[in-house]
Amino acid sequence: MTNSIGFAAVPASERPAAVKQLCDAMEAADNAGRYPQVTVERPWSEHNPVLEGEFASPRAIRWYLERELGRLAAAGARISVSQGRKAVDLHDPELGPALDETTWDLRRKKLFLFGPERMALSINRLEHYTGTPAEQFQRYVLLTNYSWHVEEFRSALPGCIGPDSDGRQMPAWHHVLPGRAGITIINIGVGPSNAKTITDHLAVLRPDLVLMIGHCGGLRNHQAIGDLVLATAYMRDDRVLDDVLPLSVPVVSNYTLNTLLLNELTTRGLRRRLGIVFTTANRNWELQLSSVDARLRLSRAIAVDMESATVAANGFRYRIPTATLLAVSDKPLHSRPKLSEDAQSFYAATRRQHVEIAISVADTVREQYPGGLPSADIRSPDEPLLGLTDPGQL
């Protein structure tokens, strides 16, 4: 059975209910063990008048589907939902080939960035790593590698939903608001491998932003312990994405998100510096300084961390606005290594402020950009239809 609605004839007041009807049909197909198939007919498009795509677990991204299909409905598209293929079991040998992103046909415009098999696997992996189902994830996501940040987040936003059990590798906590308009924080642990793992799977949920909050080693004389760092761009020395995103591809923070962060820091009168963040996979890089000093100098880096460039690079790959807010915790080049007693004092003094800034900026994005942050800088020539923030591009 196919649910098909030609929105050119649907009054504006009736569109939201009609879009909900289509999303209900997608969930019904999913409950029947099929991939929901969505067909979008755009008579105004010369080159791609009809686009089709299959989804898995539409409930996990229902807020996103309602928003994106609502945009197409407002433009007068015809949208149809039917039962697609039988859903592939995650133990089926056919799953492997279906997950291979290198087989994408770049000449064919897609409806959605991911195939249903990839969606299903990532949704399952998210629950495995974080201890929470995908339906609880909110559209504004904070990443950290400190349990202190999670504690401050839960204190600032009481009533958060957390993991179903202790011992999860990357525990997540969600401050839930209607329409998934709340904030999620995930303790991803340390290092670029973890950062890639979580952002690979988060990407299928299409968050409106991912903000990395953490600590860094300051590289400049005039930086002080506790100063804040906003990354304008990244020196990728983490190596985990080199095969899929060459180092020659520039990766920068989302301009609008960075501007909002800078405004927040300025309003609070906090010391900060904008510049290049050098992300390494080697926590003890200062023990082999001669192997990295040329790159540090030539890149004009102002700070070193272990996750920010990885998060930003995967955000670029998967069209998710990202930014980085770091606090200088040590200065290895200036006789201020990270020592236990000093570190504990620093954490106690800065962690609440760090989290408050991130929450405040997420609140601002929710108020000012309910349809998503501007993302023209991370669109590609073969950009999928769902996810375009400019209605004129539909």
Protein backbone atom coordinates (compact mmCIF):
# COMPACT_ATOMS: atom_id res chain seq x y z
CA MET A 1 0.00 0.00 0.00
CA THR A 2 1.28 3.45 -0.94
CA ASN A 3 0.52 6.72 0.81
CA SER A 4 0.90 9.51 -1.74
CA ILE A 5 0.20 13.20 -1.19
CA GLY A 6 0.50 15.95 -3.81
CA PHE A 7 1.25 18.96 -1.66
CA ALA A 8 0.61 21.52 -4.39
CA ALA A 9 -3.11 21.05 -3.60
CA VAL A 10 -2.77 20.90 0.20
CA PRO A 11 -3.45 24.15 2.12
CA ALA A 12 -0.58 25.34 4.31
CA SER A 13 -2.62 24.78 7.47
CA GLU A 14 -3.06 21.09 6.60
CA ARG A 15 0.54 20.31 5.61
CA PRO A 16 1.91 19.42 9.07
CA ALA A 17 -0.81 16.81 9.59
CA ALA A 18 -0.20 15.38 6.13
CA VAL A 19 3.54 15.13 6.75
CA LYS A 20 2.86 13.37 10.06
CA GLN A 21 0.65 10.93 8.16
CA LEU A 22 3.55 10.10 5.84
CA CYS A 23 5.93 9.62 8.77
CA ASP A 24 3.37 7.34 10.44
CA ALA A 25 3.33 5.28 7.23
CA MET A 26 7.12 5.02 7.37
CA GLU A 27 6.96 3.73 10.93
CA ALA A 28 4.25 1.25 9.96
CA ALA A 29 6.44 -0.15 7.18
CA ASP A 30 9.35 -0.40 9.61
CA ASN A 31 7.15 -2.25 12.13
CA ALA A 32 6.22 -4.69 9.35
CA GLY A 33 9.89 -5.58 8.87
CA ARG A 34 10.32 -3.60 5.64
CA TYR A 35 12.45 -0.62 4.76
CA PRO A 36 10.13 2.37 4.26
CA GLN A 37 10.60 3.74 0.76
CA VAL A 38 10.10 7.45 0.13
CA THR A 39 9.58 8.88 -3.35
CA VAL A 40 9.75 12.62 -3.91
CA GLU A 41 8.45 14.09 -7.18
CA ARG A 42 9.62 17.62 -7.94
CA PRO A 43 8.12 18.81 -11.25
CA TRP A 44 10.23 21.96 -11.09
CA SER A 45 13.51 20.02 -11.24
CA GLU A 46 14.93 19.59 -14.73
CA HIS A 47 17.66 17.08 -13.85
CA ASN A 48 16.26 15.18 -10.84
CA PRO A 49 12.46 15.34 -10.94
CA VAL A 50 12.05 12.04 -9.05
CA LEU A 51 14.19 10.85 -6.15
CA GLU A 52 13.75 7.69 -4.11
CA GLY A 53 15.33 6.34 -0.96
CA GLU A 54 14.88 3.70 1.71
CA PHE A 55 15.19 4.23 5.44
CA ALA A 56 15.67 2.15 8.56
CA SER A 57 14.24 2.96 12.00
CA PRO A 58 12.49 6.18 10.90
CA ARG A 59 11.40 6.71 14.50
CA ALA A 60 15.02 7.48 15.40
CA ILE A 61 15.06 10.52 13.09
CA ARG A 62 11.38 11.38 12.99
CA TRP A 63 11.99 15.01 13.98
CA TYR A 64 14.35 15.33 11.01
CA LEU A 65 12.02 13.63 8.55
CA GLU A 66 9.13 15.86 9.58
CA ARG A 67 11.25 18.96 9.11
CA GLU A 68 12.74 17.92 5.77
CA LEU A 69 9.54 16.57 4.26
CA GLY A 70 7.79 19.69 5.52
CA ARG A 71 10.14 21.82 3.44
CA LEU A 72 9.43 19.76 0.34
CA ALA A 73 5.71 19.92 1.07
CA ALA A 74 5.88 23.72 1.28
CA ALA A 75 7.55 23.75 -2.15
CA GLY A 76 4.68 21.72 -3.64
CA ALA A 77 6.30 18.32 -4.07
CA ARG A 78 4.42 15.04 -4.29
CA ILE A 79 5.67 12.67 -1.58
CA SER A 80 4.87 8.97 -1.47
CA VAL A 81 5.64 6.35 1.16
CA SER A 82 5.48 2.61 0.50
CA GLN A 83 6.96 -0.61 1.81
CA GLY A 84 10.38 -1.20 0.30
CA ARG A 85 12.64 -4.22 0.59
CA LYS A 86 12.49 -6.64 3.46
CA ALA A 87 14.87 -5.28 6.10
CA VAL A 88 18.22 -7.06 6.13
CA ASP A 89 19.02 -8.82 9.38
CA LEU A 90 22.17 -7.40 10.97
CA HIS A 91 23.63 -10.92 11.01
CA ASP A 92 22.97 -11.47 7.29
CA PRO A 93 26.10 -11.79 5.08
CA GLU A 94 24.44 -9.39 2.63
CA LEU A 95 24.89 -6.60 5.17
CA GLY A 96 28.63 -6.22 4.55
CA PRO A 97 28.49 -5.19 0.87
CA ALA A 98 25.56 -2.87 1.56
CA LEU A 99 27.62 -0.94 4.13
CA ASP A 100 30.45 -0.12 1.73
CA GLU A 101 30.30 3.65 1.23
CA THR A 102 32.96 3.49 -1.48
CA THR A 103 30.34 2.03 -3.83
CA TRP A 104 28.22 5.17 -3.89
CA ASP A 105 27.39 6.38 -7.39
CA LEU A 106 28.46 10.03 -7.37
CA ARG A 107 26.63 10.65 -10.65
CA ARG A 108 23.24 9.88 -9.14
CA LYS A 109 21.63 12.33 -6.75
CA LYS A 110 20.43 10.64 -3.59
CA LEU A 111 17.46 11.41 -1.39
CA PHE A 112 19.37 10.72 1.84
CA LEU A 113 23.04 10.45 2.69
CA PHE A 114 22.87 6.90 4.07
CA GLY A 115 21.43 3.60 2.98
CA PRO A 116 19.05 1.76 5.34
CA GLU A 117 21.57 -0.94 6.23
CA ARG A 118 24.07 1.68 7.37
CA MET A 119 21.36 3.44 9.36
CA ALA A 120 20.31 0.25 11.11
CA LEU A 121 23.85 -0.72 12.04
CA SER A 122 24.76 2.75 13.34
CA ILE A 123 21.57 3.00 15.40
CA ASN A 124 22.39 -0.35 16.98
CA ARG A 125 26.02 0.67 17.60
CA LEU A 126 24.97 3.93 19.23
CA GLU A 127 22.92 2.07 21.80
CA HIS A 128 25.81 -0.35 22.37
CA TYR A 129 28.37 2.41 22.98
CA THR A 130 26.23 4.95 24.84
CA GLY A 131 23.70 2.80 26.69
CA THR A 132 20.78 4.82 25.34
CA PRO A 133 18.49 4.22 22.33
CA ALA A 134 18.74 6.45 19.29
CA GLU A 135 15.24 7.82 19.94
CA GLN A 136 16.59 9.64 23.02
CA PHE A 137 19.33 11.56 21.18
CA GLN A 138 18.66 15.26 20.83
CA ARG A 139 19.56 17.42 17.86
CA TYR A 140 22.26 19.45 19.68
CA VAL A 141 25.20 17.26 20.70
CA LEU A 142 28.15 17.98 22.98
CA LEU A 143 31.18 15.69 23.01
CA THR A 144 33.62 15.55 25.89
CA ASN A 145 36.22 13.19 27.30
CA TYR A 146 35.74 14.09 30.94
CA SER A 147 33.17 12.72 33.37
CA TRP A 148 33.35 16.09 35.17
CA HIS A 149 31.73 17.76 32.19
CA VAL A 150 28.93 15.20 32.29
CA GLU A 151 28.42 15.82 36.01
CA GLU A 152 28.18 19.57 35.43
CA PHE A 153 25.79 19.03 32.51
CA ARG A 154 23.47 16.93 34.65
CA SER A 155 23.64 19.50 37.45
CA ALA A 156 22.82 22.36 35.09
CA LEU A 157 20.00 20.43 33.36
CA PRO A 158 18.29 18.21 35.94
CA GLY A 159 16.17 15.29 34.83
CA CYS A 160 18.49 14.00 32.11
CA ILE A 161 18.03 10.48 30.76
CA GLY A 162 21.20 8.39 30.92
CA PRO A 163 22.62 4.94 30.18
CA ASP A 164 20.67 1.80 30.98
CA SER A 165 23.67 0.32 32.79
CA ASP A 166 27.10 1.20 34.10
CA GLY A 167 30.28 0.49 32.18
CA ARG A 168 29.25 1.80 28.77
CA GLN A 169 32.22 2.80 26.64
CA MET A 170 30.81 6.21 25.68
CA PRO A 171 27.95 7.00 28.09
CA ALA A 172 25.39 9.55 26.89
CA TRP A 173 22.99 11.79 28.78
CA HIS A 174 20.04 13.55 27.19
CA HIS A 175 18.16 16.65 28.29
CA VAL A 176 14.98 15.93 26.38
CA LEU A 177 12.74 18.59 24.85
CA PRO A 178 9.82 18.20 22.41
CA GLY A 179 10.88 17.73 18.80
CA ARG A 180 14.31 16.48 19.98
CA ALA A 181 15.20 20.13 20.59
CA GLY A 182 17.16 19.36 23.73
CA ILE A 183 20.86 18.70 24.26
CA THR A 184 22.82 15.44 24.40
CA ILE A 185 26.26 15.06 25.96
CA ILE A 186 28.49 12.04 25.31
CA ASN A 187 31.69 11.17 27.13
CA ILE A 188 33.60 9.76 24.16
CA GLY A 189 36.80 8.96 26.03
CA VAL A 190 40.23 9.95 24.78
CA GLY A 191 41.68 9.91 21.30
CA PRO A 192 40.85 10.26 17.61
CA SER A 193 39.78 6.65 17.16
CA ASN A 194 36.93 7.12 19.63
CA ALA A 195 36.06 10.47 18.06
CA LYS A 196 35.75 8.84 14.63
CA THR A 197 33.74 5.92 15.96
CA ILE A 198 31.07 8.03 17.63
CA THR A 199 30.75 10.59 14.83
CA ASP A 200 30.48 7.83 12.20
CA HIS A 201 27.32 6.63 13.92
CA LEU A 202 25.95 9.96 15.15
CA ALA A 203 25.89 11.13 11.55
CA VAL A 204 22.86 8.99 10.67
CA LEU A 205 20.79 10.90 13.27
CA ARG A 206 21.51 14.20 11.46
CA PRO A 207 22.22 16.42 14.52
CA ASP A 208 21.99 20.17 13.97
CA LEU A 209 25.39 20.64 15.58
CA VAL A 210 28.23 18.74 17.23
CA LEU A 211 30.39 20.75 19.62
CA MET A 212 33.60 19.31 21.07
CA ILE A 213 34.34 20.66 24.55
CA GLY A 214 37.62 19.61 26.09
CA HIS A 215 41.11 20.59 27.11
CA CYS A 216 44.25 21.32 25.18
CA GLY A 217 47.90 22.11 25.50
CA GLY A 218 48.55 25.79 24.83
CA LEU A 219 51.43 26.59 22.47
CA ARG A 220 51.75 30.37 22.73
CA ASN A 221 53.65 32.45 25.28
CA HIS A 222 50.75 34.71 26.11
CA GLN A 223 48.25 31.94 26.78
CA ALA A 224 47.47 31.22 30.42
CA ILE A 225 46.10 28.11 32.06
CA GLY A 226 42.32 28.33 31.78
CA ASP A 227 42.29 30.45 28.61
CA LEU A 228 39.78 29.30 26.02
CA VAL A 229 40.51 28.29 22.46
CA LEU A 230 38.17 28.39 19.47
CA ALA A 231 39.40 26.40 16.48
CA THR A 232 39.14 28.27 13.20
CA ALA A 233 40.71 25.32 11.34
CA TYR A 234 42.66 22.15 12.08
CA MET A 235 46.02 20.53 11.52
CA ARG A 236 45.10 16.88 11.09
CA ASP A 237 47.87 14.79 12.62
CA ASP A 238 45.44 12.16 13.96
CA ARG A 239 45.67 10.03 10.75
CA VAL A 240 42.44 8.08 11.29
CA LEU A 241 40.58 9.60 8.31
CA ASP A 242 43.45 10.07 5.86
CA ASP A 243 42.25 7.27 3.57
CA VAL A 244 38.75 8.69 3.16
CA LEU A 245 39.46 12.43 3.43
CA PRO A 246 42.88 13.44 2.04
CA LEU A 247 44.92 15.90 4.06
CA SER A 248 44.78 18.26 1.08
CA VAL A 249 41.05 18.88 1.82
CA PRO A 250 40.67 21.91 4.12
CA VAL A 251 38.52 21.45 7.22
CA VAL A 252 37.27 24.44 9.20
CA SER A 253 34.78 25.07 12.00
CA ASN A 254 31.25 26.13 11.14
CA TYR A 255 31.42 29.92 10.80
CA THR A 256 28.03 30.69 12.37
CA LEU A 257 28.58 28.37 15.31
CA ASN A 258 32.04 29.80 15.91
CA THR A 259 30.63 33.33 15.78
CA LEU A 260 28.03 32.46 18.40
CA LEU A 261 30.71 30.92 20.61
CA LEU A 262 32.90 33.99 20.25
CA ASN A 263 29.99 36.27 21.12
CA GLU A 264 29.29 34.22 24.24
CA LEU A 265 32.92 34.40 25.38
CA THR A 266 33.08 38.13 24.68
CA THR A 267 29.88 38.76 26.64
CA ARG A 268 31.32 36.85 29.59
CA GLY A 269 34.62 38.75 29.35
CA LEU A 270 36.67 35.57 29.10
CA ARG A 271 40.21 35.29 27.76
CA ARG A 272 40.20 33.42 24.47
CA ARG A 273 42.15 32.94 21.29
CA LEU A 274 41.09 31.81 17.82
CA GLY A 275 43.38 29.80 15.60
CA ILE A 276 44.59 26.46 14.33
CA VAL A 277 44.19 23.42 16.58
CA PHE A 278 46.71 20.63 16.05
CA THR A 279 45.11 17.22 16.67
CA THR A 280 47.43 14.31 17.34
CA ALA A 281 47.01 10.63 18.16
CA ASN A 282 50.06 10.80 20.44
CA ARG A 283 49.21 12.04 23.94
CA ASN A 284 52.92 12.23 24.76
CA TRP A 285 53.89 14.21 21.67
CA GLU A 286 56.15 16.47 23.73
CA LEU A 287 58.40 13.46 24.40
CA GLN A 288 59.18 13.35 20.68
CA LEU A 289 59.05 17.07 20.04
CA SER A 290 61.58 17.02 17.22
CA SER A 291 59.21 14.84 15.18
CA VAL A 292 56.39 17.39 15.26
CA ASP A 293 57.95 20.78 15.96
CA ALA A 294 58.18 21.76 12.29
CA ARG A 295 54.49 21.02 11.71
CA LEU A 296 53.50 22.88 14.85
CA ARG A 297 55.49 25.92 13.76
CA LEU A 298 54.48 25.91 10.08
CA SER A 299 50.80 25.39 10.85
CA ARG A 300 50.72 28.39 13.24
CA ALA A 301 48.87 26.13 15.68
CA ILE A 302 47.87 27.68 18.99
CA ALA A 303 46.86 24.48 20.78
CA VAL A 304 47.19 20.69 20.71
CA ASP A 305 44.45 18.16 21.44
CA MET A 306 43.46 14.62 20.47
CA GLU A 307 39.90 14.78 19.11
CA SER A 308 38.90 18.11 17.58
CA ALA A 309 40.19 17.66 14.03
CA THR A 310 38.72 14.18 13.87
CA VAL A 311 35.28 15.42 14.89
CA ALA A 312 35.51 18.30 12.42
CA ALA A 313 36.73 16.11 9.55
CA ASN A 314 33.92 13.61 10.03
CA GLY A 315 31.47 16.48 10.36
CA PHE A 316 32.72 17.73 7.00
CA ARG A 317 32.33 14.26 5.45
CA TYR A 318 28.80 13.87 6.74
CA ARG A 319 27.61 17.48 6.42
CA ILE A 320 27.22 18.21 10.13
CA PRO A 321 28.11 21.69 11.48
CA THR A 322 30.89 21.34 14.07
CA ALA A 323 33.03 23.56 16.26
CA THR A 324 35.51 23.24 19.11
CA LEU A 325 35.67 24.93 22.52
CA LEU A 326 38.84 24.01 24.41
CA ALA A 327 40.39 25.22 27.64
CA VAL A 328 44.16 25.40 28.05
CA SER A 329 45.06 22.89 30.75
CA ASP A 330 48.85 22.83 30.33
CA LYS A 331 51.70 24.38 28.35
CA PRO A 332 54.25 21.64 27.65
CA LEU A 333 56.57 23.97 25.71
CA HIS A 334 56.70 26.54 28.52
CA SER A 335 57.54 24.47 31.60
CA ARG A 336 53.87 23.96 32.48
CA PRO A 337 53.28 20.23 31.92
CA LYS A 338 50.03 18.68 33.07
CA LEU A 339 50.72 17.53 36.64
CA SER A 340 48.20 15.80 38.85
CA GLU A 341 47.73 18.44 41.55
CA ASP A 342 47.65 21.35 39.09
CA ALA A 343 45.21 19.48 36.83
CA GLN A 344 42.72 18.82 39.62
CA SER A 345 42.67 22.51 40.56
CA PHE A 346 42.19 23.50 36.93
CA TYR A 347 39.33 21.06 36.40
CA ALA A 348 37.51 22.22 39.52
CA ALA A 349 37.83 25.88 38.50
CA THR A 350 36.76 25.61 34.86
CA ARG A 351 34.43 22.72 34.27
CA ARG A 352 31.12 24.40 35.24
CA GLN A 353 31.86 27.47 33.14
CA HIS A 354 32.88 25.33 30.15
CA VAL A 355 29.60 23.42 30.16
CA GLU A 356 27.48 26.53 30.78
CA ILE A 357 28.98 28.18 27.69
CA ALA A 358 28.21 25.14 25.54
CA ILE A 359 24.63 24.92 26.80
CA SER A 360 24.06 28.65 26.27
CA VAL A 361 25.29 28.49 22.67
CA ALA A 362 23.15 25.43 21.93
CA ASP A 363 20.15 27.33 23.31
CA THR A 364 20.96 30.25 21.02
CA VAL A 365 21.17 27.99 17.98
CA ARG A 366 17.81 26.47 18.88
CA GLU A 367 16.23 29.91 19.05
CA GLN A 368 17.88 31.50 16.03
CA TYR A 369 18.24 28.53 13.66
CA PRO A 370 15.37 26.08 14.24
CA GLY A 371 15.76 24.90 10.66
CA GLY A 372 19.45 24.12 11.07
CA LEU A 373 22.66 26.13 10.90
CA PRO A 374 23.78 27.52 7.53
CA SER A 375 25.89 24.80 5.94
CA ALA A 376 26.69 25.90 2.39
CA ASP A 377 30.40 25.42 3.09
CA ILE A 378 30.01 21.66 3.60
CA ARG A 379 27.68 20.88 0.69
CA SER A 380 28.95 18.83 -2.21
CA PRO A 381 27.95 18.87 -5.91
CA ASP A 382 26.05 15.61 -5.34
CA GLU A 383 24.40 16.81 -2.14
CA PRO A 384 21.48 14.61 -1.03
CA LEU A 385 18.08 16.26 -1.18
CA LEU A 386 17.29 15.92 2.52
CA GLY A 387 19.45 18.28 4.55
CA LEU A 388 19.58 21.40 2.38
CA THR A 389 19.02 24.37 4.67
CA ASP A 390 18.30 26.77 1.80
CA PRO A 391 14.72 26.24 0.52
CA GLY A 392 15.80 27.73 -2.79
CA GLN A 393 17.99 24.68 -3.38
CA LEU A 394 15.16 22.17 -3.11
